[in-house]
N, C-alpha and C. Protein backbone atom coordinates (compact mmCIF):
# COMPACT_ATOMS: atom_id res chain seq x y z
N MET A 1 -18.55 26.04 -6.19
CA MET A 1 -17.34 25.65 -5.49
C MET A 1 -17.19 26.55 -4.29
N ASN A 2 -16.92 25.97 -3.14
CA ASN A 2 -16.71 26.78 -1.94
C ASN A 2 -15.52 26.28 -1.17
N ASP A 3 -14.89 27.16 -0.46
CA ASP A 3 -13.71 26.83 0.32
C ASP A 3 -14.16 26.54 1.74
N ASP A 4 -14.26 25.25 2.08
CA ASP A 4 -14.76 24.89 3.40
C ASP A 4 -13.71 25.05 4.48
N LYS A 5 -12.50 24.55 4.22
CA LYS A 5 -11.48 24.55 5.26
C LYS A 5 -10.15 24.98 4.68
N THR A 6 -9.39 25.69 5.45
CA THR A 6 -8.02 26.03 5.11
C THR A 6 -7.18 25.69 6.31
N GLU A 7 -6.16 24.86 6.10
CA GLU A 7 -5.32 24.40 7.20
C GLU A 7 -3.88 24.78 6.89
N GLU A 8 -3.27 25.63 7.72
CA GLU A 8 -1.89 26.00 7.49
C GLU A 8 -0.98 24.96 8.11
N ARG A 9 0.13 24.70 7.45
CA ARG A 9 1.11 23.76 7.93
C ARG A 9 2.45 24.46 8.02
N LYS A 10 3.39 23.80 8.58
CA LYS A 10 4.73 24.37 8.74
C LYS A 10 5.33 24.78 7.40
N THR A 11 5.24 23.94 6.40
CA THR A 11 5.82 24.24 5.10
C THR A 11 4.79 24.15 3.99
N GLY A 12 3.52 24.27 4.30
CA GLY A 12 2.52 24.16 3.26
C GLY A 12 1.14 24.58 3.71
N ILE A 13 0.20 24.31 2.83
CA ILE A 13 -1.18 24.67 3.10
C ILE A 13 -2.09 23.59 2.50
N ALA A 14 -3.21 23.33 3.14
CA ALA A 14 -4.18 22.37 2.63
C ALA A 14 -5.53 23.07 2.50
N LEU A 15 -6.15 22.91 1.34
CA LEU A 15 -7.46 23.51 1.07
C LEU A 15 -8.45 22.40 0.76
N GLU A 16 -9.69 22.57 1.19
CA GLU A 16 -10.72 21.59 0.91
C GLU A 16 -11.90 22.27 0.24
N TYR A 17 -12.38 21.66 -0.82
CA TYR A 17 -13.51 22.19 -1.59
C TYR A 17 -14.56 21.11 -1.76
N GLU A 18 -15.81 21.51 -1.76
CA GLU A 18 -16.92 20.63 -2.08
C GLU A 18 -17.44 21.09 -3.44
N LEU A 19 -17.35 20.21 -4.44
CA LEU A 19 -17.75 20.53 -5.80
C LEU A 19 -19.03 19.80 -6.16
N ASN A 20 -19.83 20.41 -7.03
CA ASN A 20 -21.08 19.79 -7.47
C ASN A 20 -20.87 18.77 -8.57
N GLU A 21 -19.70 18.75 -9.18
CA GLU A 21 -19.41 17.84 -10.29
C GLU A 21 -19.06 16.44 -9.78
N PRO A 22 -19.35 15.39 -10.57
CA PRO A 22 -19.02 14.02 -10.15
C PRO A 22 -17.51 13.80 -10.12
N PRO A 23 -17.04 12.86 -9.32
CA PRO A 23 -15.60 12.59 -9.21
C PRO A 23 -14.91 12.31 -10.54
N GLN A 24 -15.59 11.62 -11.47
CA GLN A 24 -14.97 11.29 -12.75
C GLN A 24 -14.62 12.56 -13.53
N LYS A 25 -15.48 13.57 -13.47
CA LYS A 25 -15.22 14.82 -14.19
C LYS A 25 -14.08 15.60 -13.54
N VAL A 26 -14.05 15.62 -12.21
CA VAL A 26 -12.98 16.32 -11.49
C VAL A 26 -11.66 15.59 -11.75
N TRP A 27 -11.68 14.26 -11.76
CA TRP A 27 -10.46 13.50 -12.03
C TRP A 27 -9.88 13.85 -13.40
N ARG A 28 -10.74 13.94 -14.40
CA ARG A 28 -10.26 14.31 -15.74
C ARG A 28 -9.63 15.70 -15.72
N ALA A 29 -10.22 16.63 -14.99
CA ALA A 29 -9.70 18.01 -14.95
C ALA A 29 -8.34 18.10 -14.29
N ILE A 30 -8.04 17.23 -13.34
CA ILE A 30 -6.76 17.31 -12.64
C ILE A 30 -5.70 16.37 -13.21
N SER A 31 -6.10 15.38 -14.00
CA SER A 31 -5.13 14.38 -14.44
C SER A 31 -4.81 14.40 -15.93
N ILE A 32 -5.68 14.92 -16.76
CA ILE A 32 -5.43 14.97 -18.21
C ILE A 32 -4.76 16.30 -18.54
N PRO A 33 -3.52 16.27 -19.06
CA PRO A 33 -2.76 17.50 -19.28
C PRO A 33 -3.50 18.57 -20.08
N GLU A 34 -4.25 18.20 -21.11
CA GLU A 34 -4.96 19.19 -21.92
C GLU A 34 -6.00 19.95 -21.09
N PHE A 35 -6.66 19.28 -20.17
CA PHE A 35 -7.65 19.94 -19.30
C PHE A 35 -6.96 20.69 -18.17
N ARG A 36 -5.94 20.08 -17.57
CA ARG A 36 -5.20 20.69 -16.47
C ARG A 36 -4.52 21.98 -16.90
N GLU A 37 -4.06 22.03 -18.13
CA GLU A 37 -3.32 23.18 -18.66
C GLU A 37 -4.10 24.49 -18.54
N SER A 38 -5.43 24.45 -18.60
CA SER A 38 -6.22 25.69 -18.55
C SER A 38 -6.20 26.36 -17.18
N TRP A 39 -5.91 25.62 -16.13
CA TRP A 39 -5.88 26.23 -14.79
C TRP A 39 -4.58 25.97 -14.04
N LEU A 40 -3.76 25.04 -14.49
CA LEU A 40 -2.45 24.77 -13.91
C LEU A 40 -1.47 24.58 -15.07
N PRO A 41 -0.95 25.71 -15.61
CA PRO A 41 -0.10 25.64 -16.81
C PRO A 41 1.20 24.88 -16.56
N LYS A 42 1.68 24.22 -17.61
CA LYS A 42 2.90 23.42 -17.47
C LYS A 42 4.13 24.27 -17.17
N ASP A 43 4.10 25.57 -17.48
CA ASP A 43 5.28 26.40 -17.19
C ASP A 43 5.48 26.67 -15.71
N VAL A 44 4.50 26.41 -14.85
CA VAL A 44 4.69 26.53 -13.40
C VAL A 44 5.09 25.20 -12.78
N LEU A 45 5.07 24.16 -13.58
CA LEU A 45 5.44 22.83 -13.10
C LEU A 45 6.93 22.58 -13.36
N ALA A 46 7.59 21.94 -12.42
CA ALA A 46 8.98 21.54 -12.61
C ALA A 46 9.04 20.41 -13.64
N ASP A 47 7.99 19.61 -13.70
CA ASP A 47 7.88 18.51 -14.64
C ASP A 47 6.40 18.40 -15.01
N PRO A 48 6.04 18.46 -16.31
CA PRO A 48 4.62 18.40 -16.67
C PRO A 48 3.97 17.06 -16.39
N GLU A 49 4.78 16.02 -16.16
CA GLU A 49 4.23 14.70 -15.83
C GLU A 49 4.01 14.60 -14.32
N ALA A 50 2.97 13.92 -13.92
CA ALA A 50 2.69 13.71 -12.50
C ALA A 50 3.80 12.86 -11.88
N THR A 51 4.15 13.16 -10.64
CA THR A 51 5.18 12.37 -9.96
C THR A 51 4.60 11.09 -9.37
N SER A 52 3.32 11.11 -9.02
CA SER A 52 2.65 9.90 -8.57
C SER A 52 1.16 10.02 -8.87
N VAL A 53 0.56 8.88 -9.16
CA VAL A 53 -0.86 8.84 -9.50
C VAL A 53 -1.49 7.62 -8.86
N THR A 54 -2.59 7.83 -8.15
CA THR A 54 -3.46 6.75 -7.71
C THR A 54 -4.76 6.98 -8.47
N PRO A 55 -5.00 6.24 -9.54
CA PRO A 55 -6.12 6.52 -10.44
C PRO A 55 -7.45 6.72 -9.71
N GLY A 56 -8.09 7.83 -10.06
CA GLY A 56 -9.38 8.16 -9.50
C GLY A 56 -9.37 8.70 -8.09
N GLU A 57 -8.18 8.80 -7.48
CA GLU A 57 -8.10 9.25 -6.09
C GLU A 57 -7.12 10.40 -5.85
N GLU A 58 -5.89 10.27 -6.39
CA GLU A 58 -4.86 11.24 -6.05
C GLU A 58 -3.87 11.39 -7.19
N VAL A 59 -3.44 12.64 -7.43
CA VAL A 59 -2.38 12.92 -8.39
C VAL A 59 -1.49 14.00 -7.78
N ARG A 60 -0.17 13.86 -8.00
CA ARG A 60 0.81 14.77 -7.39
C ARG A 60 1.73 15.32 -8.48
N TYR A 61 1.99 16.65 -8.40
CA TYR A 61 2.87 17.32 -9.35
C TYR A 61 3.95 18.09 -8.60
N ARG A 62 5.13 18.20 -9.24
CA ARG A 62 6.21 19.05 -8.71
C ARG A 62 6.09 20.42 -9.35
N MET A 63 6.22 21.46 -8.54
CA MET A 63 6.15 22.84 -9.04
C MET A 63 7.46 23.54 -8.73
N ARG A 64 7.75 24.62 -9.48
CA ARG A 64 8.95 25.42 -9.25
C ARG A 64 8.58 26.88 -9.42
N ASP A 65 9.01 27.72 -8.45
CA ASP A 65 8.79 29.16 -8.56
C ASP A 65 9.44 29.68 -9.82
N ASN A 66 8.83 30.71 -10.41
CA ASN A 66 9.41 31.29 -11.62
C ASN A 66 10.31 32.49 -11.32
N ALA A 67 10.59 32.73 -10.04
CA ALA A 67 11.47 33.81 -9.63
C ALA A 67 12.48 33.26 -8.62
N PRO A 68 13.68 33.86 -8.57
CA PRO A 68 14.69 33.39 -7.61
C PRO A 68 14.12 33.43 -6.20
N PRO A 69 14.44 32.48 -5.40
CA PRO A 69 15.44 31.42 -5.50
C PRO A 69 14.94 30.15 -6.17
N PHE A 70 13.82 30.19 -6.91
CA PHE A 70 13.30 29.06 -7.67
C PHE A 70 13.06 27.83 -6.77
N LEU A 71 12.37 28.06 -5.65
CA LEU A 71 12.08 26.96 -4.72
C LEU A 71 11.11 25.96 -5.36
N GLU A 72 11.28 24.70 -4.98
CA GLU A 72 10.40 23.66 -5.49
C GLU A 72 9.40 23.23 -4.42
N SER A 73 8.22 22.82 -4.89
CA SER A 73 7.16 22.38 -3.99
C SER A 73 6.40 21.24 -4.66
N THR A 74 5.52 20.63 -3.89
CA THR A 74 4.68 19.56 -4.40
C THR A 74 3.23 19.94 -4.16
N VAL A 75 2.40 19.74 -5.17
CA VAL A 75 0.97 19.96 -5.01
C VAL A 75 0.28 18.63 -5.25
N THR A 76 -0.57 18.25 -4.29
CA THR A 76 -1.28 16.98 -4.33
C THR A 76 -2.78 17.26 -4.41
N PHE A 77 -3.45 16.61 -5.33
CA PHE A 77 -4.90 16.73 -5.47
C PHE A 77 -5.50 15.39 -5.08
N ARG A 78 -6.38 15.40 -4.07
CA ARG A 78 -7.07 14.19 -3.63
C ARG A 78 -8.56 14.40 -3.83
N ILE A 79 -9.21 13.42 -4.42
CA ILE A 79 -10.65 13.52 -4.62
C ILE A 79 -11.35 12.32 -4.00
N ALA A 80 -12.59 12.57 -3.60
CA ALA A 80 -13.44 11.51 -3.05
C ALA A 80 -14.89 11.91 -3.30
N PRO A 81 -15.76 10.93 -3.52
CA PRO A 81 -17.17 11.26 -3.68
C PRO A 81 -17.72 11.81 -2.37
N ASN A 82 -18.65 12.76 -2.47
CA ASN A 82 -19.28 13.26 -1.25
C ASN A 82 -20.73 12.78 -1.17
N ALA A 83 -21.41 13.12 -0.11
CA ALA A 83 -22.77 12.60 0.15
C ALA A 83 -23.81 13.13 -0.82
N THR A 84 -23.54 14.25 -1.50
CA THR A 84 -24.52 14.86 -2.40
C THR A 84 -24.34 14.44 -3.85
N GLY A 85 -23.43 13.50 -4.12
CA GLY A 85 -23.18 13.07 -5.49
C GLY A 85 -22.10 13.87 -6.17
N GLY A 86 -21.53 14.83 -5.48
CA GLY A 86 -20.45 15.64 -6.02
C GLY A 86 -19.10 15.09 -5.58
N THR A 87 -18.14 16.00 -5.45
CA THR A 87 -16.77 15.59 -5.15
C THR A 87 -16.18 16.44 -4.05
N SER A 88 -15.48 15.80 -3.13
CA SER A 88 -14.65 16.51 -2.15
C SER A 88 -13.25 16.56 -2.74
N LEU A 89 -12.73 17.77 -2.90
CA LEU A 89 -11.40 17.97 -3.46
C LEU A 89 -10.51 18.57 -2.39
N ARG A 90 -9.39 17.92 -2.12
CA ARG A 90 -8.41 18.41 -1.15
C ARG A 90 -7.13 18.71 -1.92
N ILE A 91 -6.64 19.96 -1.79
CA ILE A 91 -5.41 20.38 -2.45
C ILE A 91 -4.38 20.65 -1.36
N ILE A 92 -3.27 19.93 -1.43
CA ILE A 92 -2.21 20.06 -0.44
C ILE A 92 -0.97 20.57 -1.16
N HIS A 93 -0.52 21.76 -0.79
CA HIS A 93 0.65 22.37 -1.42
C HIS A 93 1.74 22.48 -0.36
N GLU A 94 2.84 21.74 -0.57
CA GLU A 94 3.92 21.68 0.42
C GLU A 94 5.24 22.10 -0.20
N LEU A 95 5.98 22.92 0.53
CA LEU A 95 7.31 23.31 0.11
C LEU A 95 8.25 22.16 0.41
N THR A 96 8.90 21.63 -0.62
CA THR A 96 9.76 20.46 -0.45
C THR A 96 11.23 20.79 -0.67
N ASP A 97 11.53 22.00 -1.07
CA ASP A 97 12.91 22.39 -1.37
C ASP A 97 13.72 22.48 -0.08
N MET A 98 14.80 21.73 0.00
CA MET A 98 15.64 21.70 1.20
C MET A 98 16.31 23.04 1.48
N ARG A 99 16.44 23.87 0.47
CA ARG A 99 17.07 25.18 0.67
C ARG A 99 16.23 26.07 1.58
N PHE A 100 14.93 25.80 1.68
CA PHE A 100 14.06 26.61 2.53
C PHE A 100 14.50 26.57 3.99
N ASP A 101 14.91 25.40 4.47
CA ASP A 101 15.36 25.28 5.86
C ASP A 101 16.58 26.13 6.14
N ARG A 102 17.46 26.26 5.16
CA ARG A 102 18.66 27.07 5.36
C ARG A 102 18.37 28.56 5.32
N MET A 103 17.24 28.97 4.72
CA MET A 103 16.92 30.38 4.61
C MET A 103 16.14 30.91 5.80
N THR A 104 15.79 30.07 6.73
CA THR A 104 15.03 30.51 7.88
C THR A 104 15.88 30.40 9.13
N ALA A 105 15.71 31.37 10.01
CA ALA A 105 16.40 31.36 11.30
C ALA A 105 15.36 31.13 12.38
N ARG A 106 15.66 30.27 13.32
CA ARG A 106 14.73 29.98 14.40
C ARG A 106 15.36 30.38 15.73
N ALA A 107 14.54 30.83 16.63
CA ALA A 107 15.02 31.16 17.96
C ALA A 107 15.49 29.88 18.64
N ALA A 108 16.47 30.00 19.53
CA ALA A 108 17.02 28.83 20.20
C ALA A 108 15.95 28.10 21.01
N ASN A 109 15.00 28.86 21.57
CA ASN A 109 13.95 28.22 22.37
C ASN A 109 12.74 27.83 21.53
N LYS A 110 12.76 28.10 20.24
CA LYS A 110 11.70 27.75 19.28
C LYS A 110 10.34 28.34 19.66
N ASN A 111 10.34 29.48 20.33
CA ASN A 111 9.08 30.13 20.70
C ASN A 111 8.61 31.15 19.69
N SER A 112 9.38 31.40 18.66
CA SER A 112 8.97 32.40 17.69
C SER A 112 8.91 31.76 16.30
N PRO A 113 8.13 32.39 15.39
CA PRO A 113 8.04 31.84 14.04
C PRO A 113 9.35 32.06 13.29
N PRO A 114 9.62 31.27 12.24
CA PRO A 114 10.85 31.44 11.46
C PRO A 114 10.90 32.80 10.79
N LEU A 115 12.09 33.33 10.62
CA LEU A 115 12.30 34.60 9.93
C LEU A 115 13.17 34.34 8.71
N MET A 116 12.89 35.05 7.61
CA MET A 116 13.71 34.91 6.41
C MET A 116 15.02 35.67 6.61
N LEU A 117 16.11 35.09 6.18
CA LEU A 117 17.41 35.75 6.26
C LEU A 117 17.63 36.60 5.03
N ALA A 118 18.36 37.69 5.21
CA ALA A 118 18.69 38.54 4.07
C ALA A 118 19.73 37.85 3.20
N ALA A 119 19.73 38.18 1.92
CA ALA A 119 20.68 37.54 0.99
C ALA A 119 22.08 37.98 1.23
């Protein structure tokens, strides 16, 4: 497994991996709770059930921080077969909690990155 690309976003991050395993095996690892539990435990999920599923292609879960302010986010796993018979795995983790916008201050001219406000 190697990390080919990392793309930062305003409220999230996207990672891309090229795996040697076939898509069917990767799909089982990300979609079957018993297999997923070994690397993505249900206690970090806001809901252990997937919020959306496109069989064999994409699964999305809601996550919640275990420390205050307990922000919520969404993690999406997308898989596709690659040219070598393995799998391209894209993991997109986005902060979806609306409280995040209220905790950041932006310059009036929007030329600087957001800053966290003190409590």
